[in-house]
Every structure is written in C-alpha cells, then in structure tokens.
Amino acid sequence: MSRPAVRSLLSLLKAFPPLRRAMTADPVPRSAAQTRRDLALALVYGGLCHAMFGLAVLAMIAAMWFGMSRSLGAVPSPWGWFVNAALIAQFPLGHSFLLTRTGGKVLAGLAPAGTGKTLATTTYALVASIQLGLLFVFWTPSGIVWWQAEGALLWLFGLLYGACWLLLIKASFDAGAEVQSGLLGWASLARGVRPQFPPMPSAGLFAVMRHPIYLSFTLTLWTVPTWTPDQLLLASLLTLYCVCAPVLKERRYTRMFGAEFEAYRAHTPYFLPRLRSRTRQAPSTNGTIANDPA
C-alpha cells in the first residue's frame, strides 16, 4: 500500500468518533519494515473480522426470522437436538472463557508474536463471529413450524424485530462501537499505538440499565414472526445466558473500575430500566483500562 493510501486510511479512521482517542495518540517508533508488516496484519485481521461479523449478523437475522427452520444442518433425529444444544452451548462458554486470564492468553496466541494484545479486541470479535456463524448456519431444523405470522401481524412482528435489532446496535455504540466490532484492535496496530479503551459505559442506554446489550439481544430472540421448537429452545437457553452472564461481567467491572462501578450499580437497574429520572453518574476518564467487548 502506498504512503498516500496509508495516510488516507489513517485519516479515515481518525474521523470515526469512537477511534479519535486511539488515532490521536502518539505512535511508538517503528521501522519502515515493521510499519508495513503491522499495516498488512491490521488490514488482514480487520478484513476477516468485519467480514465474519457482517455474515454472522446476517445469518442470525435471517435464521431467527424463519424460526431456525431454514439452516444447513442435516443431522438425523434425535441426534440433531444434541448437536443443536452443543452449538448453543459453545457460544456462551467460549464467549465467557475468552474474557478470563487464560482466555486472554489464548486470544494473544491467535495473532503473530508482539501483536496479540493489540489485536485482542479484533480476534475476540472474529472468534465470536465464527461461533455465531456455526450456530445459525449449521443448525439442524426440526421441520416443525408451530406458528407463522401473516398479513398485518407479519408487518407488526417485522417492525418489532427490526426495532429490537436497532436497539441492539444503539446499545453496542453506547458500550463502545470500536470494542464491540473489533475495530479498536486492528486500527491501533495500523496506527502503531496501544489500544485506548473507552471509559466505563454509563451514558445512553447504560444510564437506565446496566446491561442493555444483553436485554436487546434477548428481545430479538422473542420478537420473531415464526415459532418452532427450534426457536423456543434457542430463545430459552440464550435468554438464560443473557440474564446470568452479566453477573460474571460485573465482577470484572468491580475489579476494573472499583468504587466508580459500585456507585453506578447502586443507582442503575440490572436488566430492566426503571422508568423514572435519576442522577447521571459522571463517566470515567480512564481510557487505559481494558473494557469488555460484550
């Protein structure tokens, strides 16, 4: 890639509001050869991450729209149900494991030496996207359809389903779009800086509930226009995960943010918003503490 093209790319990244902190930091000294290597790695990992992320989201939207009745899995009954259960389990188990210290070492090992920590958010998003792709693409449908919306009801459920996905996108931006999408890692490597994580989320949807991402994703599970045994199993198990998993996340946040998170937790509901005014907490200004990708 030519120098003008590199400058254009970095300028484009700098113009993206969530990345301004990272893109304005002073880069570490690098040789020309290392700069070219880091830039090539950043583009490869970033391209893979965002391609898989986009495909996984599209697979989720489409598969759940049809109640998990149209996927590529073809495992004979009754073994298909065991395989489907395993496909569900591998996502929350892997998702949570990679946020542990041991999981962090595994993530670091998925990138070339010296770039693992910088690319951690990118590799995390990439692995999560692959996991979701496996779940929604290779699900084995039962072939049973209990109910499918038609006419005005189809439009109504379509609007509800779309609104829940928009809510999930909003929650992800409030949490830090650069972290949630994996953008922060490869952009930091391209710039040659240490990843600058956003502060503890406490604004936007996080001002009225502590876990809007989990709530929004739960809502997408239950607003689909097609209901099958498959969708019920998926929605039930993933809802259980969405309700329970934040407990572990809050333990990490207590270690990371201390009294700031304790004060925020004392005034902000866990999962369902409290529909009354509240005093907003001052956001954290420490952008060097690692933020959770989910």
C-alpha atoms as a PDB file:
ATOM      1  CA  MET A   1       0.000   0.000   0.000  1.00  0.00           C
ATOM      2  CA  SER A   2       1.424   3.400  -0.983  1.00  0.00           C
ATOM      3  CA  ARG A   3       2.129   6.115   1.587  1.00  0.00           C
ATOM      4  CA  PRO A   4      -0.733   8.346   0.347  1.00  0.00           C
ATOM      5  CA  ALA A   5      -3.101   5.395   0.673  1.00  0.00           C
ATOM      6  CA  VAL A   6      -1.844   4.724   4.203  1.00  0.00           C
ATOM      7  CA  ARG A   7      -2.338   8.369   5.172  1.00  0.00           C
ATOM      8  CA  SER A   8      -5.837   8.307   3.704  1.00  0.00           C
ATOM      9  CA  LEU A   9      -6.720   5.171   5.682  1.00  0.00           C
ATOM     10  CA  LEU A  10      -5.438   6.611   8.945  1.00  0.00           C
ATOM     11  CA  SER A  11      -7.275   9.878   8.298  1.00  0.00           C
ATOM     12  CA  LEU A  12     -10.480   7.942   7.686  1.00  0.00           C
ATOM     13  CA  LEU A  13     -10.045   6.016  10.930  1.00  0.00           C
ATOM     14  CA  LYS A  14      -9.280   9.223  12.807  1.00  0.00           C
ATOM     15  CA  ALA A  15     -12.521  10.749  11.522  1.00  0.00           C
ATOM     16  CA  PHE A  16     -14.563   7.949  13.146  1.00  0.00           C
ATOM     17  CA  PRO A  17     -15.558   9.442  16.548  1.00  0.00           C
ATOM     18  CA  PRO A  18     -15.042   6.312  18.692  1.00  0.00           C
ATOM     19  CA  LEU A  19     -11.464   5.994  17.393  1.00  0.00           C
ATOM     20  CA  ARG A  20     -10.319   9.576  17.903  1.00  0.00           C
ATOM     21  CA  ARG A  21      -8.657   8.762  21.215  1.00  0.00           C
ATOM     22  CA  ALA A  22      -6.541   5.991  19.667  1.00  0.00           C
ATOM     23  CA  MET A  23      -5.870   7.807  16.410  1.00  0.00           C
ATOM     24  CA  THR A  24      -4.588  10.962  18.113  1.00  0.00           C
ATOM     25  CA  ALA A  25      -2.204   9.146  20.493  1.00  0.00           C
ATOM     26  CA  ASP A  26       1.484   9.315  19.711  1.00  0.00           C
ATOM     27  CA  PRO A  27       2.604   6.154  17.866  1.00  0.00           C
ATOM     28  CA  VAL A  28       5.541   4.135  19.100  1.00  0.00           C
ATOM     29  CA  PRO A  29       8.705   4.370  16.992  1.00  0.00           C
ATOM     30  CA  ARG A  30       8.730   1.711  14.263  1.00  0.00           C
ATOM     31  CA  SER A  31      10.985   0.915  11.374  1.00  0.00           C
ATOM     32  CA  ALA A  32       9.586   1.192   7.868  1.00  0.00           C
ATOM     33  CA  ALA A  33       9.595  -2.595   7.556  1.00  0.00           C
ATOM     34  CA  GLN A  34       7.717  -3.058  10.848  1.00  0.00           C
ATOM     35  CA  THR A  35       5.222  -0.375   9.873  1.00  0.00           C
ATOM     36  CA  ARG A  36       4.484  -2.196   6.617  1.00  0.00           C
ATOM     37  CA  ARG A  37       4.180  -5.522   8.481  1.00  0.00           C
ATOM     38  CA  ASP A  38       1.845  -4.096  11.110  1.00  0.00           C
ATOM     39  CA  LEU A  39      -0.294  -2.398   8.496  1.00  0.00           C
ATOM     40  CA  ALA A  40      -0.603  -5.601   6.464  1.00  0.00           C
ATOM     41  CA  LEU A  41      -1.556  -7.587   9.577  1.00  0.00           C
ATOM     42  CA  ALA A  42      -4.060  -4.927  10.604  1.00  0.00           C
ATOM     43  CA  LEU A  43      -5.782  -4.988   7.225  1.00  0.00           C
ATOM     44  CA  VAL A  44      -5.904  -8.794   7.085  1.00  0.00           C
ATOM     45  CA  TYR A  45      -7.245  -9.206  10.610  1.00  0.00           C
ATOM     46  CA  GLY A  46      -9.599  -6.259  10.265  1.00  0.00           C
ATOM     47  CA  GLY A  47     -10.952  -7.515   6.948  1.00  0.00           C
ATOM     48  CA  LEU A  48     -11.515 -11.032   8.290  1.00  0.00           C
ATOM     49  CA  CYS A  49     -13.101  -9.724  11.476  1.00  0.00           C
ATOM     50  CA  HIS A  50     -15.590  -7.375   9.827  1.00  0.00           C
ATOM     51  CA  ALA A  51     -16.445  -9.806   7.025  1.00  0.00           C
ATOM     52  CA  MET A  52     -17.214 -12.582   9.504  1.00  0.00           C
ATOM     53  CA  PHE A  53     -19.004 -10.148  11.809  1.00  0.00           C
ATOM     54  CA  GLY A  54     -21.284  -8.985   8.993  1.00  0.00           C
ATOM     55  CA  LEU A  55     -22.007 -12.517   7.786  1.00  0.00           C
ATOM     56  CA  ALA A  56     -22.744 -13.716  11.323  1.00  0.00           C
ATOM     57  CA  VAL A  57     -25.205 -10.878  11.956  1.00  0.00           C
ATOM     58  CA  LEU A  58     -26.980 -11.524   8.649  1.00  0.00           C
ATOM     59  CA  ALA A  59     -27.135 -15.245   9.443  1.00  0.00           C
ATOM     60  CA  MET A  60     -28.652 -14.512  12.848  1.00  0.00           C
ATOM     61  CA  ILE A  61     -31.256 -12.125  11.485  1.00  0.00           C
ATOM     62  CA  ALA A  62     -32.314 -14.472   8.694  1.00  0.00           C
ATOM     63  CA  ALA A  63     -32.264 -17.708  10.710  1.00  0.00           C
ATOM     64  CA  MET A  64     -34.354 -16.339  13.570  1.00  0.00           C
ATOM     65  CA  TRP A  65     -36.772 -14.622  11.170  1.00  0.00           C
ATOM     66  CA  PHE A  66     -37.718 -18.112   9.976  1.00  0.00           C
ATOM     67  CA  GLY A  67     -37.697 -19.562  13.494  1.00  0.00           C
ATOM     68  CA  MET A  68     -34.488 -21.559  12.870  1.00  0.00           C
ATOM     69  CA  SER A  69     -36.390 -23.608  10.273  1.00  0.00           C
ATOM     70  CA  ARG A  70     -34.028 -22.862   7.367  1.00  0.00           C
ATOM     71  CA  SER A  71     -30.424 -23.756   8.105  1.00  0.00           C
ATOM     72  CA  LEU A  72     -27.815 -26.041   6.566  1.00  0.00           C
ATOM     73  CA  GLY A  73     -27.570 -28.654   9.334  1.00  0.00           C
ATOM     74  CA  ALA A  74     -28.782 -32.157   8.433  1.00  0.00           C
ATOM     75  CA  VAL A  75     -28.062 -34.348  11.466  1.00  0.00           C
ATOM     76  CA  PRO A  76     -30.576 -37.217  11.732  1.00  0.00           C
ATOM     77  CA  SER A  77     -33.127 -37.155  14.567  1.00  0.00           C
ATOM     78  CA  PRO A  78     -32.823 -37.413  17.519  1.00  0.00           C
ATOM     79  CA  TRP A  79     -29.102 -36.618  17.340  1.00  0.00           C
ATOM     80  CA  GLY A  80     -29.819 -33.283  15.718  1.00  0.00           C
ATOM     81  CA  TRP A  81     -31.165 -31.951  19.019  1.00  0.00           C
ATOM     82  CA  PHE A  82     -27.930 -32.892  20.816  1.00  0.00           C
ATOM     83  CA  VAL A  83     -25.854 -31.216  18.113  1.00  0.00           C
ATOM     84  CA  ASN A  84     -28.068 -28.133  18.254  1.00  0.00           C
ATOM     85  CA  ALA A  85     -27.685 -27.966  22.035  1.00  0.00           C
ATOM     86  CA  ALA A  86     -23.908 -28.201  21.606  1.00  0.00           C
ATOM     87  CA  LEU A  87     -23.984 -25.405  19.042  1.00  0.00           C
ATOM     88  CA  ILE A  88     -25.846 -23.215  21.518  1.00  0.00           C
ATOM     89  CA  ALA A  89     -23.523 -24.085  24.398  1.00  0.00           C
ATOM     90  CA  GLN A  90     -20.296 -23.413  22.511  1.00  0.00           C
ATOM     91  CA  PHE A  91     -21.132 -19.734  22.105  1.00  0.00           C
ATOM     92  CA  PRO A  92     -21.666 -18.631  25.725  1.00  0.00           C
ATOM     93  CA  LEU A  93     -18.976 -20.976  27.032  1.00  0.00           C
ATOM     94  CA  GLY A  94     -16.387 -19.791  24.535  1.00  0.00           C
ATOM     95  CA  HIS A  95     -17.533 -16.179  24.800  1.00  0.00           C
ATOM     96  CA  SER A  96     -17.069 -16.195  28.572  1.00  0.00           C
ATOM     97  CA  PHE A  97     -13.842 -18.232  28.561  1.00  0.00           C
ATOM     98  CA  LEU A  98     -12.063 -15.751  26.294  1.00  0.00           C
ATOM     99  CA  LEU A  99     -12.704 -12.998  28.860  1.00  0.00           C
ATOM    100  CA  THR A 100     -10.739 -14.884  31.529  1.00  0.00           C
ATOM    101  CA  ARG A 101      -6.989 -14.501  32.022  1.00  0.00           C
ATOM    102  CA  THR A 102      -6.377 -17.888  30.431  1.00  0.00           C
ATOM    103  CA  GLY A 103      -8.692 -16.978  27.566  1.00  0.00           C
ATOM    104  CA  GLY A 104      -6.758 -13.745  27.102  1.00  0.00           C
ATOM    105  CA  LYS A 105      -3.575 -15.748  26.598  1.00  0.00           C
ATOM    106  CA  VAL A 106      -5.368 -17.881  24.018  1.00  0.00           C
ATOM    107  CA  LEU A 107      -6.502 -14.739  22.201  1.00  0.00           C
ATOM    108  CA  ALA A 108      -2.961 -13.356  22.239  1.00  0.00           C
ATOM    109  CA  GLY A 109      -1.769 -16.589  20.655  1.00  0.00           C
ATOM    110  CA  LEU A 110      -4.132 -16.129  17.708  1.00  0.00           C
ATOM    111  CA  ALA A 111      -2.018 -13.274  16.353  1.00  0.00           C
ATOM    112  CA  PRO A 112       1.676 -13.089  15.411  1.00  0.00           C
ATOM    113  CA  ALA A 113       4.139 -12.516  18.236  1.00  0.00           C
ATOM    114  CA  GLY A 114       4.142  -8.974  19.544  1.00  0.00           C
ATOM    115  CA  THR A 115       0.673  -8.103  18.219  1.00  0.00           C
ATOM    116  CA  GLY A 116      -1.584 -10.373  20.290  1.00  0.00           C
ATOM    117  CA  LYS A 117      -2.508  -7.847  22.980  1.00  0.00           C
ATOM    118  CA  THR A 118      -3.057  -5.059  20.494  1.00  0.00           C
ATOM    119  CA  LEU A 119      -5.272  -7.218  18.288  1.00  0.00           C
ATOM    120  CA  ALA A 120      -7.177  -8.769  21.231  1.00  0.00           C
ATOM    121  CA  THR A 121     -10.483  -6.991  20.568  1.00  0.00           C
ATOM    122  CA  THR A 122     -10.263  -7.876  16.876  1.00  0.00           C
ATOM    123  CA  THR A 123      -9.523 -11.563  17.450  1.00  0.00           C
ATOM    124  CA  TYR A 124     -12.220 -11.695  20.133  1.00  0.00           C
ATOM    125  CA  ALA A 125     -14.839 -10.306  17.734  1.00  0.00           C
ATOM    126  CA  LEU A 126     -13.587 -12.619  14.980  1.00  0.00           C
ATOM    127  CA  VAL A 127     -13.878 -15.740  17.152  1.00  0.00           C
ATOM    128  CA  ALA A 128     -17.317 -14.693  18.425  1.00  0.00           C
ATOM    129  CA  SER A 129     -18.481 -14.144  14.831  1.00  0.00           C
ATOM    130  CA  ILE A 130     -17.282 -17.602  13.815  1.00  0.00           C
ATOM    131  CA  GLN A 131     -19.093 -19.107  16.808  1.00  0.00           C
ATOM    132  CA  LEU A 132     -22.341 -17.353  15.897  1.00  0.00           C
ATOM    133  CA  GLY A 133     -21.940 -18.379  12.273  1.00  0.00           C
ATOM    134  CA  LEU A 134     -21.591 -22.034  13.290  1.00  0.00           C
ATOM    135  CA  LEU A 135     -24.697 -21.788  15.464  1.00  0.00           C
ATOM    136  CA  PHE A 136     -27.024 -20.144  12.974  1.00  0.00           C
ATOM    137  CA  VAL A 137     -25.749 -21.627   9.713  1.00  0.00           C
ATOM    138  CA  PHE A 138     -25.304 -25.258  10.780  1.00  0.00           C
ATOM    139  CA  TRP A 139     -28.376 -25.633  12.989  1.00  0.00           C
ATOM    140  CA  THR A 140     -30.387 -28.775  12.128  1.00  0.00           C
ATOM    141  CA  PRO A 141     -34.072 -27.754  11.752  1.00  0.00           C
ATOM    142  CA  SER A 142     -36.719 -29.982  13.296  1.00  0.00           C
ATOM    143  CA  GLY A 143     -39.072 -29.438  10.364  1.00  0.00           C
ATOM    144  CA  ILE A 144     -41.907 -28.435  12.729  1.00  0.00           C
ATOM    145  CA  VAL A 145     -43.487 -24.988  12.419  1.00  0.00           C
ATOM    146  CA  TRP A 146     -45.947 -24.089  15.182  1.00  0.00           C
ATOM    147  CA  TRP A 147     -46.943 -20.617  14.053  1.00  0.00           C
ATOM    148  CA  GLN A 148     -46.033 -18.095  11.375  1.00  0.00           C
ATOM    149  CA  ALA A 149     -47.272 -14.519  11.252  1.00  0.00           C
ATOM    150  CA  GLU A 150     -49.194 -13.454   8.170  1.00  0.00           C
ATOM    151  CA  GLY A 151     -50.691 -10.260   6.839  1.00  0.00           C
ATOM    152  CA  ALA A 152     -50.775  -7.361   9.307  1.00  0.00           C
ATOM    153  CA  LEU A 153     -49.205  -9.491  12.038  1.00  0.00           C
ATOM    154  CA  LEU A 154     -46.199 -10.176   9.817  1.00  0.00           C
ATOM    155  CA  TRP A 155     -45.693  -6.429   9.389  1.00  0.00           C
ATOM    156  CA  LEU A 156     -46.126  -5.871  13.133  1.00  0.00           C
ATOM    157  CA  PHE A 157     -43.608  -8.542  14.110  1.00  0.00           C
ATOM    158  CA  GLY A 158     -41.278  -7.357  11.375  1.00  0.00           C
ATOM    159  CA  LEU A 159     -41.310  -3.855  12.873  1.00  0.00           C
ATOM    160  CA  LEU A 160     -40.790  -5.193  16.383  1.00  0.00           C
ATOM    161  CA  TYR A 161     -37.968  -7.474  15.274  1.00  0.00           C
ATOM    162  CA  GLY A 162     -36.258  -4.684  13.369  1.00  0.00           C
ATOM    163  CA  ALA A 163     -36.672  -2.263  16.286  1.00  0.00           C
ATOM    164  CA  CYS A 164     -35.004  -4.727  18.652  1.00  0.00           C
ATOM    165  CA  TRP A 165     -32.032  -5.068  16.325  1.00  0.00           C
ATOM    166  CA  LEU A 166     -31.765  -1.278  16.119  1.00  0.00           C
ATOM    167  CA  LEU A 167     -31.856  -1.174  19.911  1.00  0.00           C
ATOM    168  CA  LEU A 168     -29.016  -3.695  19.997  1.00  0.00           C
ATOM    169  CA  ILE A 169     -26.982  -1.545  17.602  1.00  0.00           C
ATOM    170  CA  LYS A 170     -27.640   1.526  19.775  1.00  0.00           C
ATOM    171  CA  ALA A 171     -26.557  -0.363  22.901  1.00  0.00           C
ATOM    172  CA  SER A 172     -23.376  -1.521  21.167  1.00  0.00           C
ATOM    173  CA  PHE A 173     -22.492   2.050  20.206  1.00  0.00           C
ATOM    174  CA  ASP A 174     -23.162   3.228  23.753  1.00  0.00           C
ATOM    175  CA  ALA A 175     -20.835   0.498  25.054  1.00  0.00           C
ATOM    176  CA  GLY A 176     -18.096   1.432  22.591  1.00  0.00           C
ATOM    177  CA  ALA A 177     -18.573   0.513  18.953  1.00  0.00           C
ATOM    178  CA  GLU A 178     -14.842   0.259  18.413  1.00  0.00           C
ATOM    179  CA  VAL A 179     -14.595  -2.502  21.030  1.00  0.00           C
ATOM    180  CA  GLN A 180     -17.815  -4.352  20.190  1.00  0.00           C
ATOM    181  CA  SER A 181     -16.976  -4.589  16.476  1.00  0.00           C
ATOM    182  CA  GLY A 182     -13.284  -5.418  16.872  1.00  0.00           C
ATOM    183  CA  LEU A 183     -12.262  -2.186  15.161  1.00  0.00           C
ATOM    184  CA  LEU A 184     -10.113  -0.910  18.017  1.00  0.00           C
ATOM    185  CA  GLY A 185      -7.508  -3.671  17.798  1.00  0.00           C
ATOM    186  CA  TRP A 186      -6.556  -3.528  14.144  1.00  0.00           C
ATOM    187  CA  ALA A 187      -6.902   0.262  13.959  1.00  0.00           C
ATOM    188  CA  SER A 188      -4.480   0.625  16.878  1.00  0.00           C
ATOM    189  CA  LEU A 189      -2.000  -1.724  15.227  1.00  0.00           C
ATOM    190  CA  ALA A 190      -2.236   0.197  11.967  1.00  0.00           C
ATOM    191  CA  ARG A 191      -1.577   3.448  13.826  1.00  0.00           C
ATOM    192  CA  GLY A 192       1.168   1.928  15.973  1.00  0.00           C
ATOM    193  CA  VAL A 193      -0.400   2.820  19.316  1.00  0.00           C
ATOM    194  CA  ARG A 194      -1.564   0.987  22.420  1.00  0.00           C
ATOM    195  CA  PRO A 195      -5.347   0.437  22.276  1.00  0.00           C
ATOM    196  CA  GLN A 196      -7.156   3.248  24.082  1.00  0.00           C
ATOM    197  CA  PHE A 197     -10.298   1.729  25.562  1.00  0.00           C
ATOM    198  CA  PRO A 198     -13.437   3.799  26.125  1.00  0.00           C
ATOM    199  CA  PRO A 199     -14.458   4.700  29.676  1.00  0.00           C
ATOM    200  CA  MET A 200     -16.879   2.635  31.697  1.00  0.00           C
ATOM    201  CA  PRO A 201     -20.215   2.899  29.851  1.00  0.00           C
ATOM    202  CA  SER A 202     -22.754   4.912  31.844  1.00  0.00           C
ATOM    203  CA  ALA A 203     -24.455   7.108  29.240  1.00  0.00           C
ATOM    204  CA  GLY A 204     -27.150   6.450  26.634  1.00  0.00           C
ATOM    205  CA  LEU A 205     -28.996   3.215  27.320  1.00  0.00           C
ATOM    206  CA  PHE A 206     -26.497   2.471  30.088  1.00  0.00           C
ATOM    207  CA  ALA A 207     -27.959   5.408  32.022  1.00  0.00           C
ATOM    208  CA  VAL A 208     -31.217   3.491  32.564  1.00  0.00           C
ATOM    209  CA  MET A 209     -29.962  -0.111  32.809  1.00  0.00           C
ATOM    210  CA  ARG A 210     -26.622  -1.784  33.360  1.00  0.00           C
ATOM    211  CA  HIS A 211     -26.854  -4.375  30.571  1.00  0.00           C
ATOM    212  CA  PRO A 212     -28.738  -3.036  27.544  1.00  0.00           C
ATOM    213  CA  ILE A 213     -26.801  -5.238  25.110  1.00  0.00           C
ATOM    214  CA  TYR A 214     -27.970  -8.412  26.824  1.00  0.00           C
ATOM    215  CA  LEU A 215     -31.539  -7.102  27.107  1.00  0.00           C
ATOM    216  CA  SER A 216     -31.645  -6.015  23.455  1.00  0.00           C
ATOM    217  CA  PHE A 217     -30.351  -9.366  22.254  1.00  0.00           C
ATOM    218  CA  THR A 218     -32.922 -11.135  24.432  1.00  0.00           C
ATOM    219  CA  LEU A 219     -35.688  -9.080  22.812  1.00  0.00           C
ATOM    220  CA  THR A 220     -34.539 -10.145  19.328  1.00  0.00           C
ATOM    221  CA  LEU A 221     -34.979 -13.771  20.413  1.00  0.00           C
ATOM    222  CA  TRP A 222     -38.647 -13.322  21.336  1.00  0.00           C
ATOM    223  CA  THR A 223     -39.965 -10.950  18.635  1.00  0.00           C
ATOM    224  CA  VAL A 224     -39.540 -13.272  15.642  1.00  0.00           C
ATOM    225  CA  PRO A 225     -42.525 -13.840  13.303  1.00  0.00           C
ATOM    226  CA  THR A 226     -42.047 -17.629  13.123  1.00  0.00           C
ATOM    227  CA  TRP A 227     -42.215 -20.012  16.074  1.00  0.00           C
ATOM    228  CA  THR A 228     -40.868 -23.539  16.065  1.00  0.00           C
ATOM    229  CA  PRO A 229     -39.494 -25.915  18.719  1.00  0.00           C
ATOM    230  CA  ASP A 230     -36.078 -24.857  17.477  1.00  0.00           C
ATOM    231  CA  GLN A 231     -36.685 -21.175  18.139  1.00  0.00           C
ATOM    232  CA  LEU A 232     -38.130 -21.892  21.581  1.00  0.00           C
ATOM    233  CA  LEU A 233     -35.057 -23.924  22.565  1.00  0.00           C
ATOM    234  CA  LEU A 234     -32.697 -21.263  21.231  1.00  0.00           C
ATOM    235  CA  ALA A 235     -34.565 -18.366  22.824  1.00  0.00           C
ATOM    236  CA  SER A 236     -34.900 -20.096  26.202  1.00  0.00           C
ATOM    237  CA  LEU A 237     -31.247 -21.094  26.563  1.00  0.00           C
ATOM    238  CA  LEU A 238     -29.779 -17.859  25.253  1.00  0.00           C
ATOM    239  CA  THR A 239     -32.140 -15.822  27.423  1.00  0.00           C
ATOM    240  CA  LEU A 240     -30.873 -17.763  30.436  1.00  0.00           C
ATOM    241  CA  TYR A 241     -27.346 -16.871  29.381  1.00  0.00           C
ATOM    242  CA  CYS A 242     -28.227 -13.194  28.889  1.00  0.00           C
ATOM    243  CA  VAL A 243     -29.743 -12.996  32.368  1.00  0.00           C
ATOM    244  CA  CYS A 244     -26.922 -14.837  34.168  1.00  0.00           C
ATOM    245  CA  ALA A 245     -23.764 -13.858  32.266  1.00  0.00           C
ATOM    246  CA  PRO A 246     -23.748 -10.206  33.394  1.00  0.00           C
ATOM    247  CA  VAL A 247     -23.119 -11.406  36.963  1.00  0.00           C
ATOM    248  CA  LEU A 248     -19.638 -12.507  35.880  1.00  0.00           C
ATOM    249  CA  LYS A 249     -19.169  -9.321  33.893  1.00  0.00           C
ATOM    250  CA  GLU A 250     -19.991  -7.216  36.933  1.00  0.00           C
ATOM    251  CA  ARG A 251     -17.331  -8.999  38.943  1.00  0.00           C
ATOM    252  CA  ARG A 252     -14.788  -7.982  36.320  1.00  0.00           C
ATOM    253  CA  TYR A 253     -16.112  -4.426  36.308  1.00  0.00           C
ATOM    254  CA  THR A 254     -15.797  -4.259  40.103  1.00  0.00           C
ATOM    255  CA  ARG A 255     -12.121  -5.203  39.798  1.00  0.00           C
ATOM    256  CA  MET A 256     -11.540  -2.829  36.874  1.00  0.00           C
ATOM    257  CA  PHE A 257     -13.440   0.278  37.967  1.00  0.00           C
ATOM    258  CA  GLY A 258     -13.831  -0.189  41.721  1.00  0.00           C
ATOM    259  CA  ALA A 259     -15.858   2.476  43.545  1.00  0.00           C
ATOM    260  CA  GLU A 260     -16.980   4.080  40.289  1.00  0.00           C
ATOM    261  CA  PHE A 261     -18.793   0.930  39.219  1.00  0.00           C
ATOM    262  CA  GLU A 262     -20.166   0.328  42.723  1.00  0.00           C
ATOM    263  CA  ALA A 263     -21.737   3.812  42.700  1.00  0.00           C
ATOM    264  CA  TYR A 264     -23.133   3.242  39.203  1.00  0.00           C
ATOM    265  CA  ARG A 265     -24.561  -0.158  40.185  1.00  0.00           C
ATOM    266  CA  ALA A 266     -26.239   1.303  43.267  1.00  0.00           C
ATOM    267  CA  HIS A 267     -28.305   3.706  41.150  1.00  0.00           C
ATOM    268  CA  THR A 268     -28.869   1.764  37.906  1.00  0.00           C
ATOM    269  CA  PRO A 269     -31.124  -1.289  37.463  1.00  0.00           C
ATOM    270  CA  TYR A 270     -29.555  -4.576  36.399  1.00  0.00           C
ATOM    271  CA  PHE A 271     -31.614  -5.644  33.392  1.00  0.00           C
ATOM    272  CA  LEU A 272     -34.916  -3.786  33.146  1.00  0.00           C
ATOM    273  CA  PRO A 273     -34.947   0.027  33.090  1.00  0.00           C
ATOM    274  CA  ARG A 274     -36.510   1.938  35.934  1.00  0.00           C
ATOM    275  CA  LEU A 275     -38.871   4.395  34.284  1.00  0.00           C
ATOM    276  CA  ARG A 276     -38.110   7.418  36.401  1.00  0.00           C
ATOM    277  CA  SER A 277     -35.491  10.142  36.416  1.00  0.00           C
ATOM    278  CA  ARG A 278     -32.176   9.525  38.081  1.00  0.00           C
ATOM    279  CA  THR A 279     -28.965  11.410  38.727  1.00  0.00           C
ATOM    280  CA  ARG A 280     -26.482  10.595  35.988  1.00  0.00           C
ATOM    281  CA  GLN A 281     -23.110   9.274  37.039  1.00  0.00           C
ATOM    282  CA  ALA A 282     -20.026  11.043  35.793  1.00  0.00           C
ATOM    283  CA  PRO A 283     -18.338   8.918  33.126  1.00  0.00           C
ATOM    284  CA  SER A 284     -14.902   7.500  33.703  1.00  0.00           C
ATOM    285  CA  THR A 285     -11.968   9.320  32.159  1.00  0.00           C
ATOM    286  CA  ASN A 286      -9.537   6.433  32.443  1.00  0.00           C
ATOM    287  CA  GLY A 287      -9.306   5.103  28.921  1.00  0.00           C
ATOM    288  CA  THR A 288      -6.401   2.740  29.538  1.00  0.00           C
ATOM    289  CA  ILE A 289      -8.312   0.092  31.489  1.00  0.00           C
ATOM    290  CA  ALA A 290      -9.477  -2.713  29.256  1.00  0.00           C
ATOM    291  CA  ASN A 291     -13.210  -2.664  28.586  1.00  0.00           C
ATOM    292  CA  ASP A 292     -15.236  -5.828  27.985  1.00  0.00           C
ATOM    293  CA  PRO A 293     -16.225  -6.483  24.350  1.00  0.00           C
ATOM    294  CA  ALA A 294     -19.745  -7.561  25.401  1.00  0.00           C
END
